[in-house]
Amino acid sequence: MVNVYESSRAAVENWEHPKIVARVKYNENLDHWDGSNFTSGNVGMHKGIAQLRDGRFVIIIGSQWIGDRPYAYLVTPSEALQEILESRNEELLEVFPSLLDLYKEEICLEA
């Protein structure tokens, strides 16, 4: 299980000891194939998304580097949607119906 922090990613990475508010199962569902590896954009780094029972969204950060531990932090629905779009894993919108609705409201598509 991965600790979910209430603070931003920067606070967690800078070891500001933010409050743990939940725990989630580790996943890498935001990774995409870059032609050689599944990655979130940085070598050895991985990213996932989950939704808590109360509806809040969580971004999970994992690493293949020795000594690094996975962690997660809360994000707004708009931030969660942006993470999915940036990962190019739009099929995740089917997993999170509220984000699919937000996508239809916020994202302008070609005519």
PDB file of N, CA and C in Angstrom:
ATOM      1  N   MET A   1       0.840  -1.183   0.000  1.00  0.00           N
ATOM      2  CA  MET A   1       0.000   0.000   0.000  1.00  0.00           C
ATOM      3  C   MET A   1       0.887   1.248   0.000  1.00  0.00           C
ATOM      4  N   VAL A   2       0.374   2.281  -0.612  1.00  0.00           N
ATOM      5  CA  VAL A   2       1.110   3.537  -0.774  1.00  0.00           C
ATOM      6  C   VAL A   2       0.427   4.622   0.059  1.00  0.00           C
ATOM      7  N   ASN A   3       1.220   5.379   0.805  1.00  0.00           N
ATOM      8  CA  ASN A   3       0.674   6.495   1.570  1.00  0.00           C
ATOM      9  C   ASN A   3       0.240   7.612   0.633  1.00  0.00           C
ATOM     10  N   VAL A   4      -0.936   8.188   0.923  1.00  0.00           N
ATOM     11  CA  VAL A   4      -1.452   9.338   0.174  1.00  0.00           C
ATOM     12  C   VAL A   4      -1.332  10.564   1.073  1.00  0.00           C
ATOM     13  N   TYR A   5      -0.677  11.584   0.557  1.00  0.00           N
ATOM     14  CA  TYR A   5      -0.463  12.816   1.315  1.00  0.00           C
ATOM     15  C   TYR A   5      -1.428  13.895   0.843  1.00  0.00           C
ATOM     16  N   GLU A   6      -1.832  14.749   1.779  1.00  0.00           N
ATOM     17  CA  GLU A   6      -2.783  15.801   1.431  1.00  0.00           C
ATOM     18  C   GLU A   6      -2.125  16.952   0.695  1.00  0.00           C
ATOM     19  N   SER A   7      -0.822  17.047   0.758  1.00  0.00           N
ATOM     20  CA  SER A   7      -0.103  18.169   0.165  1.00  0.00           C
ATOM     21  C   SER A   7       0.302  17.883  -1.269  1.00  0.00           C
ATOM     22  N   SER A   8       0.883  18.878  -1.870  1.00  0.00           N
ATOM     23  CA  SER A   8       1.299  18.786  -3.262  1.00  0.00           C
ATOM     24  C   SER A   8       2.488  17.849  -3.435  1.00  0.00           C
ATOM     25  N   ARG A   9       2.741  17.507  -4.672  1.00  0.00           N
ATOM     26  CA  ARG A   9       3.894  16.661  -4.993  1.00  0.00           C
ATOM     27  C   ARG A   9       5.190  17.305  -4.510  1.00  0.00           C
ATOM     28  N   ALA A  10       5.310  18.626  -4.672  1.00  0.00           N
ATOM     29  CA  ALA A  10       6.533  19.321  -4.260  1.00  0.00           C
ATOM     30  C   ALA A  10       6.761  19.182  -2.765  1.00  0.00           C
ATOM     31  N   ALA A  11       5.710  19.298  -1.966  1.00  0.00           N
ATOM     32  CA  ALA A  11       5.850  19.172  -0.511  1.00  0.00           C
ATOM     33  C   ALA A  11       6.317  17.777  -0.138  1.00  0.00           C
ATOM     34  N   VAL A  12       5.782  16.766  -0.809  1.00  0.00           N
ATOM     35  CA  VAL A  12       6.172  15.382  -0.525  1.00  0.00           C
ATOM     36  C   VAL A  12       7.632  15.162  -0.914  1.00  0.00           C
ATOM     37  N   GLU A  13       8.020  15.621  -2.102  1.00  0.00           N
ATOM     38  CA  GLU A  13       9.383  15.413  -2.583  1.00  0.00           C
ATOM     39  C   GLU A  13      10.409  16.184  -1.763  1.00  0.00           C
ATOM     40  N   ASN A  14      10.006  17.279  -1.149  1.00  0.00           N
ATOM     41  CA  ASN A  14      10.922  18.079  -0.325  1.00  0.00           C
ATOM     42  C   ASN A  14      10.886  17.660   1.139  1.00  0.00           C
ATOM     43  N   TRP A  15      10.220  16.560   1.427  1.00  0.00           N
ATOM     44  CA  TRP A  15      10.160  15.998   2.774  1.00  0.00           C
ATOM     45  C   TRP A  15       9.679  17.008   3.813  1.00  0.00           C
ATOM     46  N   GLU A  16       8.610  17.710   3.481  1.00  0.00           N
ATOM     47  CA  GLU A  16       8.032  18.676   4.406  1.00  0.00           C
ATOM     48  C   GLU A  16       7.081  18.016   5.398  1.00  0.00           C
ATOM     49  N   HIS A  17       7.047  16.696   5.428  1.00  0.00           N
ATOM     50  CA  HIS A  17       6.221  15.906   6.334  1.00  0.00           C
ATOM     51  C   HIS A  17       4.740  16.256   6.271  1.00  0.00           C
ATOM     52  N   PRO A  18       4.164  16.181   5.089  1.00  0.00           N
ATOM     53  CA  PRO A  18       2.731  16.442   4.992  1.00  0.00           C
ATOM     54  C   PRO A  18       1.937  15.313   5.652  1.00  0.00           C
ATOM     55  N   LYS A  19       0.690  15.585   5.926  1.00  0.00           N
ATOM     56  CA  LYS A  19      -0.199  14.643   6.596  1.00  0.00           C
ATOM     57  C   LYS A  19      -0.620  13.515   5.655  1.00  0.00           C
ATOM     58  N   ILE A  20      -0.587  12.270   6.168  1.00  0.00           N
ATOM     59  CA  ILE A  20      -1.076  11.112   5.415  1.00  0.00           C
ATOM     60  C   ILE A  20      -2.590  11.051   5.610  1.00  0.00           C
ATOM     61  N   VAL A  21      -3.329  11.007   4.503  1.00  0.00           N
ATOM     62  CA  VAL A  21      -4.793  11.040   4.579  1.00  0.00           C
ATOM     63  C   VAL A  21      -5.467   9.770   4.073  1.00  0.00           C
ATOM     64  N   ALA A  22      -4.709   8.902   3.392  1.00  0.00           N
ATOM     65  CA  ALA A  22      -5.292   7.667   2.849  1.00  0.00           C
ATOM     66  C   ALA A  22      -4.154   6.740   2.445  1.00  0.00           C
ATOM     67  N   ARG A  23      -4.540   5.532   2.032  1.00  0.00           N
ATOM     68  CA  ARG A  23      -3.586   4.571   1.461  1.00  0.00           C
ATOM     69  C   ARG A  23      -4.261   3.925   0.256  1.00  0.00           C
ATOM     70  N   VAL A  24      -3.482   3.702  -0.796  1.00  0.00           N
ATOM     71  CA  VAL A  24      -4.000   3.086  -2.022  1.00  0.00           C
ATOM     72  C   VAL A  24      -3.060   1.991  -2.496  1.00  0.00           C
ATOM     73  N   LYS A  25      -3.582   1.123  -3.344  1.00  0.00           N
ATOM     74  CA  LYS A  25      -2.749   0.106  -3.980  1.00  0.00           C
ATOM     75  C   LYS A  25      -1.894   0.777  -5.056  1.00  0.00           C
ATOM     76  N   TYR A  26      -0.654   0.332  -5.160  1.00  0.00           N
ATOM     77  CA  TYR A  26       0.260   0.868  -6.163  1.00  0.00           C
ATOM     78  C   TYR A  26      -0.210   0.460  -7.553  1.00  0.00           C
ATOM     79  N   ASN A  27      -0.151   1.401  -8.492  1.00  0.00           N
ATOM     80  CA  ASN A  27      -0.371   1.073  -9.899  1.00  0.00           C
ATOM     81  C   ASN A  27       0.438   2.036 -10.763  1.00  0.00           C
ATOM     82  N   GLU A  28       0.602   1.670 -12.012  1.00  0.00           N
ATOM     83  CA  GLU A  28       1.347   2.470 -12.995  1.00  0.00           C
ATOM     84  C   GLU A  28       0.491   2.731 -14.219  1.00  0.00           C
ATOM     85  N   ASN A  29      -0.823   2.905 -14.017  1.00  0.00           N
ATOM     86  CA  ASN A  29      -1.741   2.984 -15.151  1.00  0.00           C
ATOM     87  C   ASN A  29      -1.624   4.272 -15.970  1.00  0.00           C
ATOM     88  N   LEU A  30      -0.841   5.256 -15.522  1.00  0.00           N
ATOM     89  CA  LEU A  30      -0.610   6.460 -16.321  1.00  0.00           C
ATOM     90  C   LEU A  30       0.649   6.354 -17.180  1.00  0.00           C
ATOM     91  N   ASP A  31       1.411   5.278 -17.035  1.00  0.00           N
ATOM     92  CA  ASP A  31       2.592   5.094 -17.881  1.00  0.00           C
ATOM     93  C   ASP A  31       2.170   4.881 -19.332  1.00  0.00           C
ATOM     94  N   HIS A  32       3.032   5.267 -20.234  1.00  0.00           N
ATOM     95  CA  HIS A  32       2.789   5.022 -21.649  1.00  0.00           C
ATOM     96  C   HIS A  32       4.045   4.428 -22.282  1.00  0.00           C
ATOM     97  N   TRP A  33       3.864   3.771 -23.388  1.00  0.00           N
ATOM     98  CA  TRP A  33       4.963   3.139 -24.110  1.00  0.00           C
ATOM     99  C   TRP A  33       5.704   4.206 -24.900  1.00  0.00           C
ATOM    100  N   ASP A  34       6.997   4.361 -24.648  1.00  0.00           N
ATOM    101  CA  ASP A  34       7.788   5.383 -25.342  1.00  0.00           C
ATOM    102  C   ASP A  34       8.594   4.798 -26.505  1.00  0.00           C
ATOM    103  N   GLY A  35       8.300   3.558 -26.847  1.00  0.00           N
ATOM    104  CA  GLY A  35       9.032   2.877 -27.913  1.00  0.00           C
ATOM    105  C   GLY A  35      10.041   1.886 -27.381  1.00  0.00           C
ATOM    106  N   SER A  36      10.423   2.058 -26.123  1.00  0.00           N
ATOM    107  CA  SER A  36      11.376   1.152 -25.493  1.00  0.00           C
ATOM    108  C   SER A  36      10.895   0.651 -24.131  1.00  0.00           C
ATOM    109  N   ASN A  37      10.199   1.527 -23.410  1.00  0.00           N
ATOM    110  CA  ASN A  37       9.794   1.211 -22.039  1.00  0.00           C
ATOM    111  C   ASN A  37       8.434   1.822 -21.732  1.00  0.00           C
ATOM    112  N   PHE A  38       7.790   1.283 -20.693  1.00  0.00           N
ATOM    113  CA  PHE A  38       6.635   1.950 -20.122  1.00  0.00           C
ATOM    114  C   PHE A  38       7.170   2.959 -19.125  1.00  0.00           C
ATOM    115  N   THR A  39       6.773   4.218 -19.284  1.00  0.00           N
ATOM    116  CA  THR A  39       7.328   5.284 -18.457  1.00  0.00           C
ATOM    117  C   THR A  39       6.327   6.411 -18.301  1.00  0.00           C
ATOM    118  N   SER A  40       6.576   7.264 -17.341  1.00  0.00           N
ATOM    119  CA  SER A  40       5.773   8.481 -17.193  1.00  0.00           C
ATOM    120  C   SER A  40       6.546   9.679 -17.714  1.00  0.00           C
ATOM    121  N   GLY A  41       7.637   9.442 -18.399  1.00  0.00           N
ATOM    122  CA  GLY A  41       8.406  10.514 -18.999  1.00  0.00           C
ATOM    123  C   GLY A  41       9.830  10.624 -18.492  1.00  0.00           C
ATOM    124  N   ASN A  42      10.106  10.162 -17.289  1.00  0.00           N
ATOM    125  CA  ASN A  42      11.453  10.210 -16.740  1.00  0.00           C
ATOM    126  C   ASN A  42      11.996   8.789 -16.619  1.00  0.00           C
ATOM    127  N   VAL A  43      13.274   8.615 -16.821  1.00  0.00           N
ATOM    128  CA  VAL A  43      13.895   7.299 -16.758  1.00  0.00           C
ATOM    129  C   VAL A  43      13.649   6.673 -15.381  1.00  0.00           C
ATOM    130  N   GLY A  44      13.101   5.479 -15.386  1.00  0.00           N
ATOM    131  CA  GLY A  44      12.885   4.745 -14.148  1.00  0.00           C
ATOM    132  C   GLY A  44      11.731   5.223 -13.302  1.00  0.00           C
ATOM    133  N   MET A  45      10.992   6.214 -13.784  1.00  0.00           N
ATOM    134  CA  MET A  45       9.877   6.760 -13.009  1.00  0.00           C
ATOM    135  C   MET A  45       8.549   6.274 -13.580  1.00  0.00           C
ATOM    136  N   HIS A  46       7.578   6.097 -12.694  1.00  0.00           N
ATOM    137  CA  HIS A  46       6.260   5.614 -13.085  1.00  0.00           C
ATOM    138  C   HIS A  46       5.182   6.416 -12.381  1.00  0.00           C
ATOM    139  N   LYS A  47       3.994   6.421 -12.993  1.00  0.00           N
ATOM    140  CA  LYS A  47       2.903   7.219 -12.451  1.00  0.00           C
ATOM    141  C   LYS A  47       1.586   6.468 -12.607  1.00  0.00           C
ATOM    142  N   GLY A  48       0.732   6.584 -11.604  1.00  0.00           N
ATOM    143  CA  GLY A  48      -0.588   5.968 -11.645  1.00  0.00           C
ATOM    144  C   GLY A  48      -1.637   6.924 -11.118  1.00  0.00           C
ATOM    145  N   ILE A  49      -2.892   6.540 -11.294  1.00  0.00           N
ATOM    146  CA  ILE A  49      -4.016   7.333 -10.789  1.00  0.00           C
ATOM    147  C   ILE A  49      -5.000   6.383 -10.112  1.00  0.00           C
ATOM    148  N   ALA A  50      -5.614   6.882  -9.056  1.00  0.00           N
ATOM    149  CA  ALA A  50      -6.625   6.100  -8.338  1.00  0.00           C
ATOM    150  C   ALA A  50      -7.676   7.067  -7.812  1.00  0.00           C
ATOM    151  N   GLN A  51      -8.814   6.507  -7.440  1.00  0.00           N
ATOM    152  CA  GLN A  51      -9.883   7.306  -6.845  1.00  0.00           C
ATOM    153  C   GLN A  51     -10.220   6.720  -5.485  1.00  0.00           C
ATOM    154  N   LEU A  52     -10.310   7.583  -4.494  1.00  0.00           N
ATOM    155  CA  LEU A  52     -10.666   7.143  -3.148  1.00  0.00           C
ATOM    156  C   LEU A  52     -12.169   6.909  -3.053  1.00  0.00           C
ATOM    157  N   ARG A  53     -12.590   6.196  -2.022  1.00  0.00           N
ATOM    158  CA  ARG A  53     -14.013   5.918  -1.819  1.00  0.00           C
ATOM    159  C   ARG A  53     -14.847   7.186  -1.723  1.00  0.00           C
ATOM    160  N   ASP A  54     -14.246   8.267  -1.222  1.00  0.00           N
ATOM    161  CA  ASP A  54     -14.990   9.525  -1.079  1.00  0.00           C
ATOM    162  C   ASP A  54     -14.996  10.352  -2.361  1.00  0.00           C
ATOM    163  N   GLY A  55     -14.404   9.822  -3.443  1.00  0.00           N
ATOM    164  CA  GLY A  55     -14.438  10.491  -4.738  1.00  0.00           C
ATOM    165  C   GLY A  55     -13.207  11.293  -5.094  1.00  0.00           C
ATOM    166  N   ARG A  56     -12.322  11.539  -4.143  1.00  0.00           N
ATOM    167  CA  ARG A  56     -11.115  12.315  -4.436  1.00  0.00           C
ATOM    168  C   ARG A  56     -10.147  11.489  -5.286  1.00  0.00           C
ATOM    169  N   PHE A  57      -9.346  12.204  -6.068  1.00  0.00           N
ATOM    170  CA  PHE A  57      -8.378  11.552  -6.953  1.00  0.00           C
ATOM    171  C   PHE A  57      -6.973  11.653  -6.387  1.00  0.00           C
ATOM    172  N   VAL A  58      -6.174  10.644  -6.730  1.00  0.00           N
ATOM    173  CA  VAL A  58      -4.826  10.490  -6.200  1.00  0.00           C
ATOM    174  C   VAL A  58      -3.877  10.194  -7.361  1.00  0.00           C
ATOM    175  N   ILE A  59      -2.731  10.854  -7.359  1.00  0.00           N
ATOM    176  CA  ILE A  59      -1.662  10.528  -8.298  1.00  0.00           C
ATOM    177  C   ILE A  59      -0.594   9.762  -7.525  1.00  0.00           C
ATOM    178  N   ILE A  60      -0.190   8.627  -8.077  1.00  0.00           N
ATOM    179  CA  ILE A  60       0.796   7.745  -7.452  1.00  0.00           C
ATOM    180  C   ILE A  60       2.108   7.877  -8.215  1.00  0.00           C
ATOM    181  N   ILE A  61       3.193   8.069  -7.484  1.00  0.00           N
ATOM    182  CA  ILE A  61       4.520   8.194  -8.086  1.00  0.00           C
ATOM    183  C   ILE A  61       5.365   7.012  -7.628  1.00  0.00           C
ATOM    184  N   GLY A  62       5.941   6.298  -8.588  1.00  0.00           N
ATOM    185  CA  GLY A  62       6.808   5.168  -8.283  1.00  0.00           C
ATOM    186  C   GLY A  62       8.132   5.299  -8.997  1.00  0.00           C
ATOM    187  N   SER A  63       9.111   4.543  -8.541  1.00  0.00           N
ATOM    188  CA  SER A  63      10.446   4.622  -9.107  1.00  0.00           C
ATOM    189  C   SER A  63      11.103   3.249  -9.093  1.00  0.00           C
ATOM    190  N   GLN A  64      11.951   3.021 -10.049  1.00  0.00           N
ATOM    191  CA  GLN A  64      12.750   1.807 -10.079  1.00  0.00           C
ATOM    192  C   GLN A  64      14.085   2.007  -9.364  1.00  0.00           C
ATOM    193  N   TRP A  65      14.354   3.224  -8.876  1.00  0.00           N
ATOM    194  CA  TRP A  65      15.632   3.534  -8.268  1.00  0.00           C
ATOM    195  C   TRP A  65      15.714   2.964  -6.857  1.00  0.00           C
ATOM    196  N   ILE A  66      16.844   2.367  -6.525  1.00  0.00           N
ATOM    197  CA  ILE A  66      17.052   1.768  -5.205  1.00  0.00           C
ATOM    198  C   ILE A  66      16.923   2.838  -4.132  1.00  0.00           C
ATOM    199  N   GLY A  67      16.140   2.524  -3.113  1.00  0.00           N
ATOM    200  CA  GLY A  67      15.949   3.441  -1.998  1.00  0.00           C
ATOM    201  C   GLY A  67      14.734   4.335  -2.122  1.00  0.00           C
ATOM    202  N   ASP A  68      14.210   4.501  -3.320  1.00  0.00           N
ATOM    203  CA  ASP A  68      13.006   5.310  -3.497  1.00  0.00           C
ATOM    204  C   ASP A  68      11.782   4.504  -3.097  1.00  0.00           C
ATOM    205  N   ARG A  69      10.851   5.159  -2.448  1.00  0.00           N
ATOM    206  CA  ARG A  69       9.583   4.527  -2.085  1.00  0.00           C
ATOM    207  C   ARG A  69       8.455   5.222  -2.829  1.00  0.00           C
ATOM    208  N   PRO A  70       7.460   4.455  -3.234  1.00  0.00           N
ATOM    209  CA  PRO A  70       6.328   5.103  -3.900  1.00  0.00           C
ATOM    210  C   PRO A  70       5.571   5.987  -2.911  1.00  0.00           C
ATOM    211  N   TYR A  71       4.949   7.009  -3.443  1.00  0.00           N
ATOM    212  CA  TYR A  71       4.109   7.886  -2.646  1.00  0.00           C
ATOM    213  C   TYR A  71       2.981   8.385  -3.537  1.00  0.00           C
ATOM    214  N   ALA A  72       1.994   9.015  -2.921  1.00  0.00           N
ATOM    215  CA  ALA A  72       0.861   9.533  -3.670  1.00  0.00           C
ATOM    216  C   ALA A  72       0.393  10.833  -3.034  1.00  0.00           C
ATOM    217  N   TYR A  73      -0.321  11.621  -3.822  1.00  0.00           N
ATOM    218  CA  TYR A  73      -0.844  12.886  -3.316  1.00  0.00           C
ATOM    219  C   TYR A  73      -2.199  13.166  -3.959  1.00  0.00           C
ATOM    220  N   LEU A  74      -2.999  13.955  -3.260  1.00  0.00           N
ATOM    221  CA  LEU A  74      -4.331  14.312  -3.733  1.00  0.00           C
ATOM    222  C   LEU A  74      -4.247  15.340  -4.845  1.00  0.00           C
ATOM    223  N   VAL A  75      -5.165  15.231  -5.813  1.00  0.00           N
ATOM    224  CA  VAL A  75      -5.282  16.220  -6.884  1.00  0.00           C
ATOM    225  C   VAL A  75      -6.752  16.540  -7.103  1.00  0.00           C
ATOM    226  N   THR A  76      -7.008  17.662  -7.734  1.00  0.00           N
ATOM    227  CA  THR A  76      -8.368  18.031  -8.087  1.00  0.00           C
ATOM    228  C   THR A  76      -8.823  17.183  -9.281  1.00  0.00           C
ATOM    229  N   PRO A  77     -10.120  17.118  -9.537  1.00  0.00           N
ATOM    230  CA  PRO A  77     -10.569  16.402 -10.737  1.00  0.00           C
ATOM    231  C   PRO A  77      -9.948  16.950 -12.022  1.00  0.00           C
ATOM    232  N   SER A  78      -9.808  18.272 -12.124  1.00  0.00           N
ATOM    233  CA  SER A  78      -9.190  18.852 -13.324  1.00  0.00           C
ATOM    234  C   SER A  78      -7.738  18.420 -13.473  1.00  0.00           C
ATOM    235  N   GLU A  79      -7.012  18.361 -12.367  1.00  0.00           N
ATOM    236  CA  GLU A  79      -5.620  17.901 -12.413  1.00  0.00           C
ATOM    237  C   GLU A  79      -5.557  16.426 -12.790  1.00  0.00           C
ATOM    238  N   ALA A  80      -6.482  15.624 -12.273  1.00  0.00           N
ATOM    239  CA  ALA A  80      -6.530  14.202 -12.615  1.00  0.00           C
ATOM    240  C   ALA A  80      -6.791  14.027 -14.111  1.00  0.00           C
ATOM    241  N   LEU A  81      -7.718  14.800 -14.642  1.00  0.00           N
ATOM    242  CA  LEU A  81      -8.016  14.743 -16.076  1.00  0.00           C
ATOM    243  C   LEU A  81      -6.779  15.110 -16.890  1.00  0.00           C
ATOM    244  N   GLN A  82      -6.071  16.156 -16.515  1.00  0.00           N
ATOM    245  CA  GLN A  82      -4.870  16.559 -17.233  1.00  0.00           C
ATOM    246  C   GLN A  82      -3.803  15.470 -17.213  1.00  0.00           C
ATOM    247  N   GLU A  83      -3.660  14.793 -16.077  1.00  0.00           N
ATOM    248  CA  GLU A  83      -2.677  13.695 -15.984  1.00  0.00           C
ATOM    249  C   GLU A  83      -3.028  12.581 -16.971  1.00  0.00           C
ATOM    250  N   ILE A  84      -4.305  12.246 -17.077  1.00  0.00           N
ATOM    251  CA  ILE A  84      -4.729  11.206 -18.020  1.00  0.00           C
ATOM    252  C   ILE A  84      -4.452  11.642 -19.451  1.00  0.00           C
ATOM    253  N   LEU A  85      -4.807  12.874 -19.783  1.00  0.00           N
ATOM    254  CA  LEU A  85      -4.591  13.356 -21.148  1.00  0.00           C
ATOM    255  C   LEU A  85      -3.106  13.422 -21.489  1.00  0.00           C
ATOM    256  N   GLU A  86      -2.278  13.877 -20.554  1.00  0.00           N
ATOM    257  CA  GLU A  86      -0.836  13.955 -20.797  1.00  0.00           C
ATOM    258  C   GLU A  86      -0.218  12.569 -20.975  1.00  0.00           C
ATOM    259  N   SER A  87      -0.796  11.563 -20.315  1.00  0.00           N
ATOM    260  CA  SER A  87      -0.258  10.201 -20.430  1.00  0.00           C
ATOM    261  C   SER A  87      -0.680   9.517 -21.728  1.00  0.00           C
ATOM    262  N   ARG A  88      -1.629  10.112 -22.425  1.00  0.00           N
ATOM    263  CA  ARG A  88      -2.180   9.540 -23.657  1.00  0.00           C
ATOM    264  C   ARG A  88      -2.923   8.222 -23.417  1.00  0.00           C
ATOM    265  N   ASN A  89      -3.404   8.029 -22.187  1.00  0.00           N
ATOM    266  CA  ASN A  89      -4.166   6.824 -21.832  1.00  0.00           C
ATOM    267  C   ASN A  89      -5.639   7.181 -21.660  1.00  0.00           C
ATOM    268  N   GLU A  90      -6.252   7.709 -22.724  1.00  0.00           N
ATOM    269  CA  GLU A  90      -7.629   8.179 -22.648  1.00  0.00           C
ATOM    270  C   GLU A  90      -8.621   7.088 -22.265  1.00  0.00           C
ATOM    271  N   GLU A  91      -8.231   5.811 -22.440  1.00  0.00           N
ATOM    272  CA  GLU A  91      -9.135   4.719 -22.042  1.00  0.00           C
ATOM    273  C   GLU A  91      -9.413   4.749 -20.538  1.00  0.00           C
ATOM    274  N   LEU A  92      -8.561   5.411 -19.773  1.00  0.00           N
ATOM    275  CA  LEU A  92      -8.805   5.533 -18.330  1.00  0.00           C
ATOM    276  C   LEU A  92     -10.043   6.383 -18.030  1.00  0.00           C
ATOM    277  N   LEU A  93     -10.475   7.196 -18.981  1.00  0.00           N
ATOM    278  CA  LEU A  93     -11.691   7.981 -18.772  1.00  0.00           C
ATOM    279  C   LEU A  93     -12.904   7.073 -18.587  1.00  0.00           C
ATOM    280  N   GLU A  94     -12.865   5.891 -19.183  1.00  0.00           N
ATOM    281  CA  GLU A  94     -13.962   4.924 -19.006  1.00  0.00           C
ATOM    282  C   GLU A  94     -13.956   4.340 -17.598  1.00  0.00           C
ATOM    283  N   VAL A  95     -12.797   4.296 -16.966  1.00  0.00           N
ATOM    284  CA  VAL A  95     -12.660   3.769 -15.602  1.00  0.00           C
ATOM    285  C   VAL A  95     -13.170   4.785 -14.586  1.00  0.00           C
ATOM    286  N   PHE A  96     -13.031   6.077 -14.915  1.00  0.00           N
ATOM    287  CA  PHE A  96     -13.425   7.161 -14.011  1.00  0.00           C
ATOM    288  C   PHE A  96     -14.508   8.006 -14.689  1.00  0.00           C
ATOM    289  N   PRO A  97     -15.784   7.584 -14.588  1.00  0.00           N
ATOM    290  CA  PRO A  97     -16.878   8.267 -15.306  1.00  0.00           C
ATOM    291  C   PRO A  97     -16.984   9.766 -15.012  1.00  0.00           C
ATOM    292  N   SER A  98     -16.679  10.183 -13.775  1.00  0.00           N
ATOM    293  CA  SER A  98     -16.785  11.618 -13.474  1.00  0.00           C
ATOM    294  C   SER A  98     -15.742  12.412 -14.264  1.00  0.00           C
ATOM    295  N   LEU A  99     -14.592  11.806 -14.542  1.00  0.00           N
ATOM    296  CA  LEU A  99     -13.580  12.483 -15.353  1.00  0.00           C
ATOM    297  C   LEU A  99     -13.976  12.502 -16.827  1.00  0.00           C
ATOM    298  N   LEU A 100     -14.696  11.485 -17.266  1.00  0.00           N
ATOM    299  CA  LEU A 100     -15.211  11.486 -18.639  1.00  0.00           C
ATOM    300  C   LEU A 100     -16.208  12.627 -18.803  1.00  0.00           C
ATOM    301  N   ASP A 101     -17.080  12.823 -17.812  1.00  0.00           N
ATOM    302  CA  ASP A 101     -18.026  13.946 -17.849  1.00  0.00           C
ATOM    303  C   ASP A 101     -17.289  15.279 -17.870  1.00  0.00           C
ATOM    304  N   LEU A 102     -16.246  15.395 -17.042  1.00  0.00           N
ATOM    305  CA  LEU A 102     -15.441  16.618 -16.994  1.00  0.00           C
ATOM    306  C   LEU A 102     -14.752  16.849 -18.335  1.00  0.00           C
ATOM    307  N   TYR A 103     -14.264  15.790 -18.942  1.00  0.00           N
ATOM    308  CA  TYR A 103     -13.632  15.878 -20.258  1.00  0.00           C
ATOM    309  C   TYR A 103     -14.605  16.472 -21.276  1.00  0.00           C
ATOM    310  N   LYS A 104     -15.835  15.972 -21.260  1.00  0.00           N
ATOM    311  CA  LYS A 104     -16.854  16.462 -22.201  1.00  0.00           C
ATOM    312  C   LYS A 104     -17.188  17.929 -21.959  1.00  0.00           C
ATOM    313  N   GLU A 105     -17.094  18.379 -20.714  1.00  0.00           N
ATOM    314  CA  GLU A 105     -17.390  19.773 -20.359  1.00  0.00           C
ATOM    315  C   GLU A 105     -16.233  20.717 -20.670  1.00  0.00           C
ATOM    316  N   GLU A 106     -15.001  20.289 -20.367  1.00  0.00           N
ATOM    317  CA  GLU A 106     -13.855  21.206 -20.371  1.00  0.00           C
ATOM    318  C   GLU A 106     -12.997  21.176 -21.630  1.00  0.00           C
ATOM    319  N   ILE A 107     -12.990  20.064 -22.348  1.00  0.00           N
ATOM    320  CA  ILE A 107     -12.062  19.929 -23.475  1.00  0.00           C
ATOM    321  C   ILE A 107     -12.774  20.226 -24.779  1.00  0.00           C
ATOM    322  N   CYS A 108     -12.229  21.168 -25.513  1.00  0.00           N
ATOM    323  CA  CYS A 108     -12.786  21.561 -26.791  1.00  0.00           C
ATOM    324  C   CYS A 108     -12.256  20.624 -27.877  1.00  0.00           C
ATOM    325  N   LEU A 109     -13.154  19.992 -28.586  1.00  0.00           N
ATOM    326  CA  LEU A 109     -12.774  19.057 -29.653  1.00  0.00           C
ATOM    327  C   LEU A 109     -12.897  19.715 -31.010  1.00  0.00           C
ATOM    328  N   GLU A 110     -12.236  19.149 -31.984  1.00  0.00           N
ATOM    329  CA  GLU A 110     -12.293  19.637 -33.352  1.00  0.00           C
ATOM    330  C   GLU A 110     -13.710  19.493 -33.890  1.00  0.00           C
ATOM    331  N   ALA A 111     -14.128  20.452 -34.685  1.00  0.00           N
ATOM    332  CA  ALA A 111     -15.476  20.432 -35.272  1.00  0.00           C
ATOM    333  C   ALA A 111     -15.574  19.437 -36.389  1.00  0.00           C
TER     334      ALA A 111
END
